[in-house]
């Protein structure tokens, strides 16, 4: 689980660095009077959004794996377990 936590932290760190670093350079070039063209900014934003989407899909797959391996009963089985353990 520690390795998975490190992996999740690394994914969030990479996304944050990419977003802030590209935003910094777009802002810096605009202030310096040499702005990127609109098509370049669209390409950069499309890449970042595709990367963030793939990270979200990857995190959902990891969550599914964790839930499948940790909770080995179905939801109906879990409801029956809680129903049987109710106090009277």
PDB file of N, CA and C in Angstrom:
ATOM      1  N   UNK A   1       0.807  -1.196   0.000  1.00  0.00           N
ATOM      2  CA  UNK A   1       0.000   0.000   0.000  1.00  0.00           C
ATOM      3  C   UNK A   1       0.853   1.263   0.000  1.00  0.00           C
ATOM      4  N   UNK A   2       2.040   1.172   0.586  1.00  0.00           N
ATOM      5  CA  UNK A   2       2.929   2.336   0.605  1.00  0.00           C
ATOM      6  C   UNK A   2       3.364   2.680  -0.814  1.00  0.00           C
ATOM      7  N   UNK A   3       3.647   1.646  -1.597  1.00  0.00           N
ATOM      8  CA  UNK A   3       4.062   1.887  -2.982  1.00  0.00           C
ATOM      9  C   UNK A   3       2.938   2.535  -3.772  1.00  0.00           C
ATOM     10  N   UNK A   4       1.701   2.099  -3.531  1.00  0.00           N
ATOM     11  CA  UNK A   4       0.569   2.683  -4.237  1.00  0.00           C
ATOM     12  C   UNK A   4       0.357   4.134  -3.808  1.00  0.00           C
ATOM     13  N   UNK A   5       0.556   4.425  -2.526  1.00  0.00           N
ATOM     14  CA  UNK A   5       0.442   5.800  -2.054  1.00  0.00           C
ATOM     15  C   UNK A   5       1.508   6.696  -2.658  1.00  0.00           C
ATOM     16  N   UNK A   6       2.727   6.169  -2.759  1.00  0.00           N
ATOM     17  CA  UNK A   6       3.808   6.934  -3.401  1.00  0.00           C
ATOM     18  C   UNK A   6       3.496   7.182  -4.866  1.00  0.00           C
ATOM     19  N   UNK A   7       2.921   6.171  -5.528  1.00  0.00           N
ATOM     20  CA  UNK A   7       2.556   6.319  -6.933  1.00  0.00           C
ATOM     21  C   UNK A   7       1.492   7.394  -7.105  1.00  0.00           C
ATOM     22  N   UNK A   8       0.468   7.392  -6.241  1.00  0.00           N
ATOM     23  CA  UNK A   8      -0.576   8.409  -6.324  1.00  0.00           C
ATOM     24  C   UNK A   8      -0.008   9.801  -6.079  1.00  0.00           C
ATOM     25  N   UNK A   9       0.864   9.926  -5.082  1.00  0.00           N
ATOM     26  CA  UNK A   9       1.500  11.209  -4.808  1.00  0.00           C
ATOM     27  C   UNK A   9       2.317  11.671  -6.009  1.00  0.00           C
ATOM     28  N   UNK A  10       3.048  10.759  -6.635  1.00  0.00           N
ATOM     29  CA  UNK A  10       3.850  11.098  -7.809  1.00  0.00           C
ATOM     30  C   UNK A  10       2.962  11.567  -8.954  1.00  0.00           C
ATOM     31  N   UNK A  11       1.828  10.902  -9.157  1.00  0.00           N
ATOM     32  CA  UNK A  11       0.914  11.313 -10.225  1.00  0.00           C
ATOM     33  C   UNK A  11       0.384  12.726  -9.979  1.00  0.00           C
ATOM     34  N   UNK A  12      -0.044  13.002  -8.754  1.00  0.00           N
ATOM     35  CA  UNK A  12      -0.542  14.345  -8.449  1.00  0.00           C
ATOM     36  C   UNK A  12       0.562  15.389  -8.579  1.00  0.00           C
ATOM     37  N   UNK A  13       1.770  15.047  -8.175  1.00  0.00           N
ATOM     38  CA  UNK A  13       2.893  15.983  -8.279  1.00  0.00           C
ATOM     39  C   UNK A  13       3.216  16.281  -9.736  1.00  0.00           C
ATOM     40  N   UNK A  14       3.216  15.258 -10.577  1.00  0.00           N
ATOM     41  CA  UNK A  14       3.518  15.467 -12.001  1.00  0.00           C
ATOM     42  C   UNK A  14       2.459  16.354 -12.641  1.00  0.00           C
ATOM     43  N   UNK A  15       1.201  16.116 -12.327  1.00  0.00           N
ATOM     44  CA  UNK A  15       0.128  16.940 -12.893  1.00  0.00           C
ATOM     45  C   UNK A  15       0.269  18.386 -12.429  1.00  0.00           C
ATOM     46  N   UNK A  16       0.522  18.594 -11.141  1.00  0.00           N
ATOM     47  CA  UNK A  16       0.687  19.957 -10.630  1.00  0.00           C
ATOM     48  C   UNK A  16       1.863  20.663 -11.284  1.00  0.00           C
ATOM     49  N   UNK A  17       2.989  19.975 -11.408  1.00  0.00           N
ATOM     50  CA  UNK A  17       4.172  20.585 -12.014  1.00  0.00           C
ATOM     51  C   UNK A  17       3.894  20.941 -13.468  1.00  0.00           C
ATOM     52  N   UNK A  18       3.248  20.041 -14.205  1.00  0.00           N
ATOM     53  CA  UNK A  18       2.953  20.327 -15.614  1.00  0.00           C
ATOM     54  C   UNK A  18       2.038  21.530 -15.767  1.00  0.00           C
ATOM     55  N   UNK A  19       0.996  21.591 -14.965  1.00  0.00           N
ATOM     56  CA  UNK A  19       0.035  22.689 -15.088  1.00  0.00           C
ATOM     57  C   UNK A  19       0.684  24.015 -14.708  1.00  0.00           C
ATOM     58  N   UNK A  20       1.361  24.063 -13.565  1.00  0.00           N
ATOM     59  CA  UNK A  20       1.967  25.317 -13.126  1.00  0.00           C
ATOM     60  C   UNK A  20       3.132  25.742 -14.012  1.00  0.00           C
ATOM     61  N   UNK A  21       3.937  24.790 -14.455  1.00  0.00           N
ATOM     62  CA  UNK A  21       5.094  25.119 -15.288  1.00  0.00           C
ATOM     63  C   UNK A  21       4.653  25.650 -16.650  1.00  0.00           C
ATOM     64  N   UNK A  22       3.666  25.002 -17.268  1.00  0.00           N
ATOM     65  CA  UNK A  22       3.207  25.495 -18.567  1.00  0.00           C
ATOM     66  C   UNK A  22       2.500  26.837 -18.412  1.00  0.00           C
ATOM     67  N   UNK A  23       1.717  27.000 -17.343  1.00  0.00           N
ATOM     68  CA  UNK A  23       1.072  28.294 -17.109  1.00  0.00           C
ATOM     69  C   UNK A  23       2.081  29.398 -16.870  1.00  0.00           C
ATOM     70  N   UNK A  24       3.150  29.074 -16.143  1.00  0.00           N
ATOM     71  CA  UNK A  24       4.206  30.052 -15.891  1.00  0.00           C
ATOM     72  C   UNK A  24       4.843  30.505 -17.201  1.00  0.00           C
ATOM     73  N   UNK A  25       5.184  29.549 -18.078  1.00  0.00           N
ATOM     74  CA  UNK A  25       5.853  29.929 -19.318  1.00  0.00           C
ATOM     75  C   UNK A  25       4.923  30.675 -20.269  1.00  0.00           C
ATOM     76  N   UNK A  26       3.654  30.300 -20.300  1.00  0.00           N
ATOM     77  CA  UNK A  26       2.704  31.041 -21.136  1.00  0.00           C
ATOM     78  C   UNK A  26       2.594  32.476 -20.634  1.00  0.00           C
ATOM     79  N   UNK A  27       2.478  32.656 -19.323  1.00  0.00           N
ATOM     80  CA  UNK A  27       2.391  33.994 -18.740  1.00  0.00           C
ATOM     81  C   UNK A  27       3.682  34.774 -18.956  1.00  0.00           C
ATOM     82  N   UNK A  28       4.840  34.125 -18.765  1.00  0.00           N
ATOM     83  CA  UNK A  28       6.132  34.806 -18.902  1.00  0.00           C
ATOM     84  C   UNK A  28       6.357  35.286 -20.330  1.00  0.00           C
ATOM     85  N   UNK A  29       6.074  34.431 -21.307  1.00  0.00           N
ATOM     86  CA  UNK A  29       6.253  34.851 -22.694  1.00  0.00           C
ATOM     87  C   UNK A  29       5.274  35.954 -23.065  1.00  0.00           C
ATOM     88  N   UNK A  30       4.068  35.931 -22.505  1.00  0.00           N
ATOM     89  CA  UNK A  30       3.104  36.988 -22.794  1.00  0.00           C
ATOM     90  C   UNK A  30       3.571  38.321 -22.215  1.00  0.00           C
ATOM     91  N   UNK A  31       4.110  38.302 -20.989  1.00  0.00           N
ATOM     92  CA  UNK A  31       4.594  39.534 -20.353  1.00  0.00           C
ATOM     93  C   UNK A  31       5.817  40.071 -21.084  1.00  0.00           C
ATOM     94  N   UNK A  32       6.686  39.184 -21.559  1.00  0.00           N
ATOM     95  CA  UNK A  32       7.896  39.610 -22.265  1.00  0.00           C
ATOM     96  C   UNK A  32       7.614  40.165 -23.652  1.00  0.00           C
ATOM     97  N   UNK A  33       6.376  40.082 -24.104  1.00  0.00           N
ATOM     98  CA  UNK A  33       6.033  40.630 -25.408  1.00  0.00           C
ATOM     99  C   UNK A  33       6.215  39.643 -26.538  1.00  0.00           C
ATOM    100  N   UNK A  34       6.426  38.382 -26.236  1.00  0.00           N
ATOM    101  CA  UNK A  34       6.596  37.350 -27.252  1.00  0.00           C
ATOM    102  C   UNK A  34       5.625  36.205 -26.940  1.00  0.00           C
ATOM    103  N   UNK A  35       4.314  36.470 -27.047  1.00  0.00           N
ATOM    104  CA  UNK A  35       3.344  35.460 -26.610  1.00  0.00           C
ATOM    105  C   UNK A  35       3.274  34.268 -27.566  1.00  0.00           C
ATOM    106  N   UNK A  36       2.840  33.154 -27.013  1.00  0.00           N
ATOM    107  CA  UNK A  36       2.579  31.980 -27.846  1.00  0.00           C
ATOM    108  C   UNK A  36       1.378  32.266 -28.728  1.00  0.00           C
ATOM    109  N   UNK A  37       1.311  31.588 -29.858  1.00  0.00           N
ATOM    110  CA  UNK A  37       0.130  31.736 -30.707  1.00  0.00           C
ATOM    111  C   UNK A  37      -1.042  30.989 -30.068  1.00  0.00           C
ATOM    112  N   UNK A  38      -2.238  31.327 -30.519  1.00  0.00           N
ATOM    113  CA  UNK A  38      -3.425  30.677 -29.959  1.00  0.00           C
ATOM    114  C   UNK A  38      -3.421  29.178 -30.220  1.00  0.00           C
ATOM    115  N   UNK A  39      -2.932  28.773 -31.379  1.00  0.00           N
ATOM    116  CA  UNK A  39      -2.916  27.341 -31.690  1.00  0.00           C
ATOM    117  C   UNK A  39      -1.945  26.589 -30.782  1.00  0.00           C
ATOM    118  N   UNK A  40      -0.825  27.214 -30.430  1.00  0.00           N
ATOM    119  CA  UNK A  40       0.130  26.570 -29.521  1.00  0.00           C
ATOM    120  C   UNK A  40      -0.473  26.411 -28.133  1.00  0.00           C
ATOM    121  N   UNK A  41      -1.174  27.422 -27.661  1.00  0.00           N
ATOM    122  CA  UNK A  41      -1.816  27.335 -26.350  1.00  0.00           C
ATOM    123  C   UNK A  41      -2.908  26.271 -26.369  1.00  0.00           C
ATOM    124  N   UNK A  42      -3.654  26.165 -27.475  1.00  0.00           N
ATOM    125  CA  UNK A  42      -4.677  25.123 -27.585  1.00  0.00           C
ATOM    126  C   UNK A  42      -4.052  23.736 -27.558  1.00  0.00           C
ATOM    127  N   UNK A  43      -2.904  23.565 -28.227  1.00  0.00           N
ATOM    128  CA  UNK A  43      -2.221  22.267 -28.233  1.00  0.00           C
ATOM    129  C   UNK A  43      -1.728  21.922 -26.829  1.00  0.00           C
ATOM    130  N   UNK A  44      -1.149  22.898 -26.134  1.00  0.00           N
ATOM    131  CA  UNK A  44      -0.659  22.656 -24.769  1.00  0.00           C
ATOM    132  C   UNK A  44      -1.817  22.302 -23.844  1.00  0.00           C
ATOM    133  N   UNK A  45      -2.913  23.045 -23.926  1.00  0.00           N
ATOM    134  CA  UNK A  45      -4.055  22.754 -23.051  1.00  0.00           C
ATOM    135  C   UNK A  45      -4.704  21.419 -23.401  1.00  0.00           C
ATOM    136  N   UNK A  46      -4.729  21.047 -24.685  1.00  0.00           N
ATOM    137  CA  UNK A  46      -5.275  19.738 -25.065  1.00  0.00           C
ATOM    138  C   UNK A  46      -4.403  18.612 -24.527  1.00  0.00           C
ATOM    139  N   UNK A  47      -3.089  18.793 -24.577  1.00  0.00           N
ATOM    140  CA  UNK A  47      -2.190  17.773 -24.035  1.00  0.00           C
ATOM    141  C   UNK A  47      -2.372  17.621 -22.531  1.00  0.00           C
ATOM    142  N   UNK A  48      -2.433  18.747 -21.822  1.00  0.00           N
ATOM    143  CA  UNK A  48      -2.587  18.684 -20.365  1.00  0.00           C
ATOM    144  C   UNK A  48      -3.931  18.064 -19.994  1.00  0.00           C
ATOM    145  N   UNK A  49      -4.994  18.423 -20.709  1.00  0.00           N
ATOM    146  CA  UNK A  49      -6.302  17.840 -20.386  1.00  0.00           C
ATOM    147  C   UNK A  49      -6.339  16.350 -20.699  1.00  0.00           C
ATOM    148  N   UNK A  50      -5.687  15.917 -21.783  1.00  0.00           N
ATOM    149  CA  UNK A  50      -5.621  14.484 -22.086  1.00  0.00           C
ATOM    150  C   UNK A  50      -4.803  13.750 -21.037  1.00  0.00           C
ATOM    151  N   UNK A  51      -3.727  14.364 -20.571  1.00  0.00           N
ATOM    152  CA  UNK A  51      -2.904  13.736 -19.540  1.00  0.00           C
ATOM    153  C   UNK A  51      -3.668  13.618 -18.226  1.00  0.00           C
ATOM    154  N   UNK A  52      -4.373  14.680 -17.840  1.00  0.00           N
ATOM    155  CA  UNK A  52      -5.154  14.640 -16.605  1.00  0.00           C
ATOM    156  C   UNK A  52      -6.260  13.590 -16.710  1.00  0.00           C
ATOM    157  N   UNK A  53      -6.888  13.482 -17.883  1.00  0.00           N
ATOM    158  CA  UNK A  53      -7.912  12.461 -18.082  1.00  0.00           C
ATOM    159  C   UNK A  53      -7.337  11.067 -17.929  1.00  0.00           C
ATOM    160  N   UNK A  54      -6.159  10.830 -18.492  1.00  0.00           N
ATOM    161  CA  UNK A  54      -5.550   9.501 -18.360  1.00  0.00           C
ATOM    162  C   UNK A  54      -5.159   9.208 -16.916  1.00  0.00           C
ATOM    163  N   UNK A  55      -4.723  10.214 -16.183  1.00  0.00           N
ATOM    164  CA  UNK A  55      -4.392  10.015 -14.765  1.00  0.00           C
ATOM    165  C   UNK A  55      -5.651   9.677 -13.975  1.00  0.00           C
ATOM    166  N   UNK A  56      -6.753  10.356 -14.259  1.00  0.00           N
ATOM    167  CA  UNK A  56      -8.009  10.068 -13.561  1.00  0.00           C
ATOM    168  C   UNK A  56      -8.473   8.647 -13.855  1.00  0.00           C
ATOM    169  N   UNK A  57      -8.379   8.221 -15.111  1.00  0.00           N
ATOM    170  CA  UNK A  57      -8.760   6.853 -15.468  1.00  0.00           C
ATOM    171  C   UNK A  57      -7.860   5.854 -14.762  1.00  0.00           C
ATOM    172  N   UNK A  58      -6.587   6.156 -14.693  1.00  0.00           N
ATOM    173  CA  UNK A  58      -5.644   5.276 -14.000  1.00  0.00           C
ATOM    174  C   UNK A  58      -5.962   5.189 -12.507  1.00  0.00           C
ATOM    175  N   UNK A  59      -6.302   6.308 -11.893  1.00  0.00           N
ATOM    176  CA  UNK A  59      -6.646   6.300 -10.474  1.00  0.00           C
ATOM    177  C   UNK A  59      -7.948   5.548 -10.210  1.00  0.00           C
ATOM    178  N   UNK A  60      -8.902   5.645 -11.135  1.00  0.00           N
ATOM    179  CA  UNK A  60     -10.135   4.875 -10.993  1.00  0.00           C
ATOM    180  C   UNK A  60      -9.846   3.386 -11.096  1.00  0.00           C
ATOM    181  N   UNK A  61      -8.947   3.002 -12.005  1.00  0.00           N
ATOM    182  CA  UNK A  61      -8.576   1.589 -12.123  1.00  0.00           C
ATOM    183  C   UNK A  61      -7.881   1.094 -10.857  1.00  0.00           C
ATOM    184  N   UNK A  62      -7.029   1.920 -10.267  1.00  0.00           N
ATOM    185  CA  UNK A  62      -6.370   1.542  -9.011  1.00  0.00           C
ATOM    186  C   UNK A  62      -7.408   1.400  -7.903  1.00  0.00           C
ATOM    187  N   UNK A  63      -8.365   2.318  -7.842  1.00  0.00           N
ATOM    188  CA  UNK A  63      -9.417   2.238  -6.834  1.00  0.00           C
ATOM    189  C   UNK A  63     -10.246   0.975  -7.006  1.00  0.00           C
ATOM    190  N   UNK A  64     -10.572   0.631  -8.253  1.00  0.00           N
ATOM    191  CA  UNK A  64     -11.317  -0.599  -8.518  1.00  0.00           C
ATOM    192  C   UNK A  64     -10.520  -1.811  -8.061  1.00  0.00           C
ATOM    193  N   UNK A  65      -9.234  -1.820  -8.320  1.00  0.00           N
ATOM    194  CA  UNK A  65      -8.373  -2.928  -7.895  1.00  0.00           C
ATOM    195  C   UNK A  65      -8.347  -3.050  -6.374  1.00  0.00           C
ATOM    196  N   UNK A  66      -8.228  -1.917  -5.690  1.00  0.00           N
ATOM    197  CA  UNK A  66      -8.194  -1.942  -4.226  1.00  0.00           C
ATOM    198  C   UNK A  66      -9.520  -2.460  -3.675  1.00  0.00           C
ATOM    199  N   UNK A  67     -10.623  -1.943  -4.193  1.00  0.00           N
ATOM    200  CA  UNK A  67     -11.933  -2.353  -3.697  1.00  0.00           C
ATOM    201  C   UNK A  67     -12.176  -3.828  -3.982  1.00  0.00           C
ATOM    202  N   UNK A  68     -11.782  -4.283  -5.156  1.00  0.00           N
ATOM    203  CA  UNK A  68     -12.000  -5.687  -5.523  1.00  0.00           C
ATOM    204  C   UNK A  68     -11.186  -6.621  -4.637  1.00  0.00           C
ATOM    205  N   UNK A  69      -9.967  -6.262  -4.302  1.00  0.00           N
ATOM    206  CA  UNK A  69      -9.118  -7.150  -3.517  1.00  0.00           C
ATOM    207  C   UNK A  69      -9.316  -7.000  -2.015  1.00  0.00           C
ATOM    208  N   UNK A  70      -9.737  -5.849  -1.551  1.00  0.00           N
ATOM    209  CA  UNK A  70      -9.933  -5.660  -0.115  1.00  0.00           C
ATOM    210  C   UNK A  70     -11.321  -6.141   0.307  1.00  0.00           C
ATOM    211  N   UNK A  71     -12.323  -5.746  -0.448  1.00  0.00           N
ATOM    212  CA  UNK A  71     -13.695  -6.140  -0.134  1.00  0.00           C
ATOM    213  C   UNK A  71     -14.076  -7.289  -1.050  1.00  0.00           C
ATOM    214  N   UNK A  72     -13.861  -8.517  -0.594  1.00  0.00           N
ATOM    215  CA  UNK A  72     -14.077  -9.670  -1.460  1.00  0.00           C
ATOM    216  C   UNK A  72     -15.511 -10.172  -1.437  1.00  0.00           C
ATOM    217  N   UNK A  73     -16.414  -9.506  -0.735  1.00  0.00           N
ATOM    218  CA  UNK A  73     -17.824  -9.869  -0.785  1.00  0.00           C
ATOM    219  C   UNK A  73     -18.561  -8.860  -1.649  1.00  0.00           C
ATOM    220  N   UNK A  74     -19.687  -9.279  -2.157  1.00  0.00           N
ATOM    221  CA  UNK A  74     -20.492  -8.368  -2.962  1.00  0.00           C
ATOM    222  C   UNK A  74     -21.224  -7.394  -2.043  1.00  0.00           C
ATOM    223  N   UNK A  75     -21.851  -6.416  -2.631  1.00  0.00           N
ATOM    224  CA  UNK A  75     -22.588  -5.434  -1.833  1.00  0.00           C
ATOM    225  C   UNK A  75     -23.776  -6.107  -1.153  1.00  0.00           C
ATOM    226  N   UNK A  76     -24.436  -7.024  -1.862  1.00  0.00           N
ATOM    227  CA  UNK A  76     -25.562  -7.742  -1.248  1.00  0.00           C
ATOM    228  C   UNK A  76     -25.080  -8.569  -0.058  1.00  0.00           C
ATOM    229  N   UNK A  77     -23.916  -9.194  -0.180  1.00  0.00           N
ATOM    230  CA  UNK A  77     -23.360  -9.963   0.932  1.00  0.00           C
ATOM    231  C   UNK A  77     -23.009  -9.077   2.109  1.00  0.00           C
ATOM    232  N   UNK A  78     -22.495  -7.884   1.835  1.00  0.00           N
ATOM    233  CA  UNK A  78     -22.168  -6.957   2.922  1.00  0.00           C
ATOM    234  C   UNK A  78     -23.436  -6.483   3.629  1.00  0.00           C
ATOM    235  N   UNK A  79     -24.515  -6.241   2.859  1.00  0.00           N
ATOM    236  CA  UNK A  79     -25.783  -5.821   3.464  1.00  0.00           C
ATOM    237  C   UNK A  79     -26.317  -6.929   4.357  1.00  0.00           C
ATOM    238  N   UNK A  80     -26.230  -8.172   3.896  1.00  0.00           N
ATOM    239  CA  UNK A  80     -26.690  -9.295   4.716  1.00  0.00           C
ATOM    240  C   UNK A  80     -25.860  -9.428   5.986  1.00  0.00           C
ATOM    241  N   UNK A  81     -24.565  -9.196   5.906  1.00  0.00           N
ATOM    242  CA  UNK A  81     -23.722  -9.253   7.102  1.00  0.00           C
ATOM    243  C   UNK A  81     -24.133  -8.196   8.113  1.00  0.00           C
ATOM    244  N   UNK A  82     -24.402  -6.976   7.652  1.00  0.00           N
ATOM    245  CA  UNK A  82     -24.819  -5.925   8.570  1.00  0.00           C
ATOM    246  C   UNK A  82     -26.229  -6.174   9.101  1.00  0.00           C
ATOM    247  N   UNK A  83     -27.091  -6.754   8.265  1.00  0.00           N
ATOM    248  CA  UNK A  83     -28.456  -7.039   8.690  1.00  0.00           C
ATOM    249  C   UNK A  83     -28.458  -8.093   9.798  1.00  0.00           C
ATOM    250  N   UNK A  84     -27.593  -9.090   9.691  1.00  0.00           N
ATOM    251  CA  UNK A  84     -27.529 -10.146  10.698  1.00  0.00           C
ATOM    252  C   UNK A  84     -26.920  -9.653  12.005  1.00  0.00           C
ATOM    253  N   UNK A  85     -26.103  -8.617  11.970  1.00  0.00           N
ATOM    254  CA  UNK A  85     -25.404  -8.139  13.160  1.00  0.00           C
ATOM    255  C   UNK A  85     -26.132  -7.016  13.890  1.00  0.00           C
ATOM    256  N   UNK A  86     -27.361  -6.721  13.514  1.00  0.00           N
ATOM    257  CA  UNK A  86     -28.075  -5.627  14.176  1.00  0.00           C
ATOM    258  C   UNK A  86     -28.459  -6.036  15.584  1.00  0.00           C
ATOM    259  N   UNK A  87     -28.414  -5.074  16.484  1.00  0.00           N
ATOM    260  CA  UNK A  87     -28.785  -5.346  17.880  1.00  0.00           C
ATOM    261  C   UNK A  87     -30.273  -5.149  18.061  1.00  0.00           C
ATOM    262  N   UNK A  88     -30.838  -5.895  18.976  1.00  0.00           N
ATOM    263  CA  UNK A  88     -32.293  -5.821  19.184  1.00  0.00           C
ATOM    264  C   UNK A  88     -32.617  -5.097  20.457  1.00  0.00           C
TER     265      UNK A  88
END
